[in-house]
């Protein structure tokens, strides 16, 4: 069965859920600049600076990211 394993360590990259009318510019795939100038917050209202959260939480939402469906599927994906 596909998608049954994940990394042992939680990834510290931030996944953004934004209000499009507040997005001034994409800094990178994990971080945005806002209008008017503002600081993004995590699910607990704590400010986020940059693309990483050193103590990631998942009490409100969790996104699983897989590089491939399975080890067998990976060669087809990169081909």
N, C-alpha and C. Protein backbone atom coordinates (compact mmCIF):
# COMPACT_ATOMS: atom_id res chain seq x y z
N UNK A 1 0.85 -1.19 0.00
CA UNK A 1 0.00 0.00 0.00
C UNK A 1 0.89 1.25 0.00
N UNK A 2 0.45 2.29 -0.69
CA UNK A 2 1.24 3.51 -0.84
C UNK A 2 1.07 4.45 0.35
N UNK A 3 2.05 5.33 0.53
CA UNK A 3 2.01 6.40 1.54
C UNK A 3 1.85 5.86 2.97
N UNK A 4 2.67 4.92 3.34
CA UNK A 4 2.54 4.34 4.67
C UNK A 4 3.67 4.73 5.61
N UNK A 5 4.72 5.35 5.10
CA UNK A 5 5.84 5.70 5.94
C UNK A 5 6.12 7.19 5.85
N UNK A 6 6.65 7.74 6.93
CA UNK A 6 7.05 9.13 6.95
C UNK A 6 8.39 9.23 7.63
N UNK A 7 8.99 10.40 7.54
CA UNK A 7 10.29 10.61 8.19
C UNK A 7 10.14 10.48 9.70
N UNK A 8 11.18 10.03 10.35
CA UNK A 8 11.13 9.89 11.81
C UNK A 8 11.05 11.24 12.51
N UNK A 9 11.73 12.24 11.97
CA UNK A 9 11.77 13.57 12.57
C UNK A 9 10.76 14.50 11.87
N UNK A 10 10.06 15.30 12.63
CA UNK A 10 9.12 16.26 12.06
C UNK A 10 9.88 17.34 11.31
N UNK A 11 9.44 17.62 10.08
CA UNK A 11 10.06 18.65 9.27
C UNK A 11 9.75 20.01 9.86
N UNK A 12 10.74 20.88 9.93
CA UNK A 12 10.58 22.18 10.56
C UNK A 12 10.15 23.28 9.59
N UNK A 13 10.02 22.96 8.30
CA UNK A 13 9.58 23.97 7.34
C UNK A 13 8.12 24.34 7.60
N UNK A 14 7.86 25.63 7.50
CA UNK A 14 6.52 26.17 7.69
C UNK A 14 5.70 25.94 6.42
N UNK A 15 4.47 25.51 6.57
CA UNK A 15 3.52 25.44 5.46
C UNK A 15 2.56 26.60 5.64
N UNK A 16 2.50 27.48 4.67
CA UNK A 16 1.72 28.70 4.81
C UNK A 16 0.27 28.52 4.38
N UNK A 17 -0.60 29.05 5.19
CA UNK A 17 -2.01 29.19 4.86
C UNK A 17 -2.28 30.68 4.97
N UNK A 18 -2.45 31.34 3.84
CA UNK A 18 -2.47 32.80 3.85
C UNK A 18 -3.82 33.37 3.40
N UNK A 19 -4.03 34.63 3.70
CA UNK A 19 -5.15 35.39 3.16
C UNK A 19 -4.62 36.09 1.91
N UNK A 20 -5.06 35.69 0.72
CA UNK A 20 -4.48 36.22 -0.52
C UNK A 20 -4.47 37.74 -0.61
N UNK A 21 -5.49 38.41 -0.08
CA UNK A 21 -5.53 39.87 -0.16
C UNK A 21 -4.48 40.53 0.73
N UNK A 22 -3.85 39.75 1.63
CA UNK A 22 -2.78 40.28 2.49
C UNK A 22 -1.40 39.94 1.94
N UNK A 23 -1.32 39.08 0.95
CA UNK A 23 -0.02 38.65 0.41
C UNK A 23 0.52 39.69 -0.55
N UNK A 24 1.62 40.33 -0.19
CA UNK A 24 2.25 41.33 -1.04
C UNK A 24 3.23 40.67 -2.00
N UNK A 25 3.97 39.68 -1.51
CA UNK A 25 4.99 39.03 -2.33
C UNK A 25 5.39 37.71 -1.70
N UNK A 26 5.67 36.73 -2.54
CA UNK A 26 6.16 35.44 -2.06
C UNK A 26 7.67 35.54 -1.85
N UNK A 27 8.10 35.32 -0.62
CA UNK A 27 9.54 35.34 -0.30
C UNK A 27 10.18 34.05 -0.79
N UNK A 28 9.56 32.94 -0.46
CA UNK A 28 9.94 31.61 -0.95
C UNK A 28 8.72 30.71 -0.73
N UNK A 29 8.81 29.46 -1.02
CA UNK A 29 7.64 28.59 -0.93
C UNK A 29 7.13 28.39 0.50
N UNK A 30 7.85 28.87 1.50
CA UNK A 30 7.43 28.71 2.89
C UNK A 30 7.26 30.04 3.62
N UNK A 31 7.43 31.15 2.94
CA UNK A 31 7.41 32.44 3.62
C UNK A 31 6.92 33.54 2.68
N UNK A 32 6.13 34.48 3.21
CA UNK A 32 5.53 35.55 2.43
C UNK A 32 5.79 36.91 3.07
N UNK A 33 5.70 37.96 2.26
CA UNK A 33 5.67 39.33 2.75
C UNK A 33 4.20 39.76 2.71
N UNK A 34 3.78 40.55 3.70
CA UNK A 34 2.37 40.92 3.82
C UNK A 34 2.15 42.42 3.70
N UNK A 35 0.93 42.78 3.25
CA UNK A 35 0.51 44.16 3.15
C UNK A 35 -0.78 44.33 3.94
N UNK A 36 -0.92 45.30 4.80
CA UNK A 36 0.19 46.15 5.23
C UNK A 36 1.22 45.32 5.98
N UNK A 37 2.37 45.88 6.19
CA UNK A 37 3.47 45.14 6.81
C UNK A 37 2.97 44.42 8.06
N UNK A 38 3.25 43.15 8.13
CA UNK A 38 2.82 42.36 9.27
C UNK A 38 3.70 41.14 9.43
N UNK A 39 3.50 40.46 10.52
CA UNK A 39 4.27 39.25 10.83
C UNK A 39 3.29 38.08 10.86
N UNK A 40 3.60 37.01 10.13
CA UNK A 40 2.72 35.83 10.20
C UNK A 40 2.80 35.19 11.58
N UNK A 41 1.78 34.41 11.91
CA UNK A 41 1.74 33.73 13.20
C UNK A 41 1.48 32.25 12.99
N UNK A 42 1.82 31.46 14.00
CA UNK A 42 1.54 30.03 13.93
C UNK A 42 0.13 29.77 14.47
N UNK A 43 -0.21 28.51 14.64
CA UNK A 43 -1.55 28.13 15.07
C UNK A 43 -1.88 28.60 16.49
N UNK A 44 -0.87 29.03 17.23
CA UNK A 44 -1.08 29.52 18.60
C UNK A 44 -0.94 31.03 18.70
N UNK A 45 -0.80 31.70 17.54
CA UNK A 45 -0.67 33.15 17.53
C UNK A 45 0.74 33.66 17.78
N UNK A 46 1.72 32.75 17.86
CA UNK A 46 3.11 33.16 18.06
C UNK A 46 3.71 33.63 16.74
N UNK A 47 4.48 34.72 16.74
CA UNK A 47 5.06 35.23 15.49
C UNK A 47 6.01 34.22 14.84
N UNK A 48 6.00 34.22 13.52
CA UNK A 48 6.90 33.37 12.74
C UNK A 48 7.87 34.29 11.99
N UNK A 49 9.14 33.99 12.07
CA UNK A 49 10.16 34.75 11.36
C UNK A 49 10.92 33.77 10.48
N UNK A 50 10.79 33.90 9.18
CA UNK A 50 11.49 33.01 8.27
C UNK A 50 10.67 31.79 7.89
N UNK A 51 11.36 30.76 7.43
CA UNK A 51 10.72 29.59 6.85
C UNK A 51 10.69 28.37 7.76
N UNK A 52 11.26 28.48 8.95
CA UNK A 52 11.35 27.32 9.83
C UNK A 52 10.73 27.60 11.20
N UNK A 53 10.19 26.59 11.80
CA UNK A 53 9.70 26.64 13.18
C UNK A 53 10.46 25.55 13.93
N UNK A 54 11.30 25.97 14.88
CA UNK A 54 12.17 25.02 15.57
C UNK A 54 11.39 24.04 16.45
N UNK A 55 10.20 24.43 16.88
CA UNK A 55 9.38 23.54 17.70
C UNK A 55 8.00 23.36 17.04
N UNK A 56 7.97 22.65 15.88
CA UNK A 56 6.73 22.53 15.13
C UNK A 56 5.63 21.84 15.94
N UNK A 57 4.40 22.30 15.71
CA UNK A 57 3.24 21.69 16.36
C UNK A 57 2.23 21.31 15.29
N UNK A 58 1.27 20.52 15.66
CA UNK A 58 0.23 20.10 14.72
C UNK A 58 -1.07 19.87 15.46
N UNK A 59 -1.45 20.83 16.28
CA UNK A 59 -2.67 20.67 17.05
C UNK A 59 -3.90 21.09 16.26
N UNK A 60 -3.73 21.97 15.27
CA UNK A 60 -4.86 22.44 14.47
C UNK A 60 -4.85 21.78 13.09
N UNK A 61 -3.68 21.67 12.49
CA UNK A 61 -3.57 21.09 11.14
C UNK A 61 -2.26 20.34 10.99
N UNK A 62 -2.26 19.34 10.11
CA UNK A 62 -1.07 18.56 9.82
C UNK A 62 -1.03 18.28 8.34
N UNK A 63 0.09 18.56 7.70
CA UNK A 63 0.26 18.28 6.28
C UNK A 63 1.39 17.27 6.14
N UNK A 64 1.09 16.15 5.52
CA UNK A 64 2.11 15.14 5.27
C UNK A 64 2.62 15.32 3.85
N UNK A 65 3.94 15.31 3.70
CA UNK A 65 4.56 15.49 2.40
C UNK A 65 5.41 14.27 2.11
N UNK A 66 5.18 13.66 0.97
CA UNK A 66 5.91 12.47 0.58
C UNK A 66 6.65 12.74 -0.72
N UNK A 67 7.88 12.27 -0.83
CA UNK A 67 8.64 12.50 -2.05
C UNK A 67 8.22 11.54 -3.15
N UNK A 68 7.61 10.43 -2.80
CA UNK A 68 7.15 9.46 -3.80
C UNK A 68 6.06 8.59 -3.19
N UNK A 69 5.24 8.02 -4.03
CA UNK A 69 4.17 7.13 -3.59
C UNK A 69 4.74 5.87 -2.94
N UNK A 70 5.81 5.35 -3.53
CA UNK A 70 6.46 4.16 -2.99
C UNK A 70 7.87 4.09 -3.55
N UNK A 71 8.69 3.23 -3.00
CA UNK A 71 10.04 3.04 -3.53
C UNK A 71 9.99 2.55 -4.97
N UNK A 72 8.97 1.75 -5.29
CA UNK A 72 8.82 1.24 -6.65
C UNK A 72 8.39 2.36 -7.61
N UNK A 73 7.62 3.30 -7.14
CA UNK A 73 7.11 4.39 -7.96
C UNK A 73 8.16 5.48 -8.20
N UNK A 74 9.13 5.61 -7.31
CA UNK A 74 10.10 6.69 -7.38
C UNK A 74 10.86 6.76 -8.71
N UNK A 75 11.41 5.65 -9.22
CA UNK A 75 12.13 5.74 -10.51
C UNK A 75 11.25 6.29 -11.65
N UNK A 76 9.96 5.94 -11.64
CA UNK A 76 9.05 6.47 -12.66
C UNK A 76 8.85 7.96 -12.49
N UNK A 77 8.80 8.41 -11.26
CA UNK A 77 8.57 9.83 -10.98
C UNK A 77 9.75 10.70 -11.46
N UNK A 78 10.96 10.24 -11.24
CA UNK A 78 12.12 11.05 -11.60
C UNK A 78 12.52 10.90 -13.07
N UNK A 79 11.94 9.92 -13.75
CA UNK A 79 12.30 9.68 -15.16
C UNK A 79 11.82 10.80 -16.08
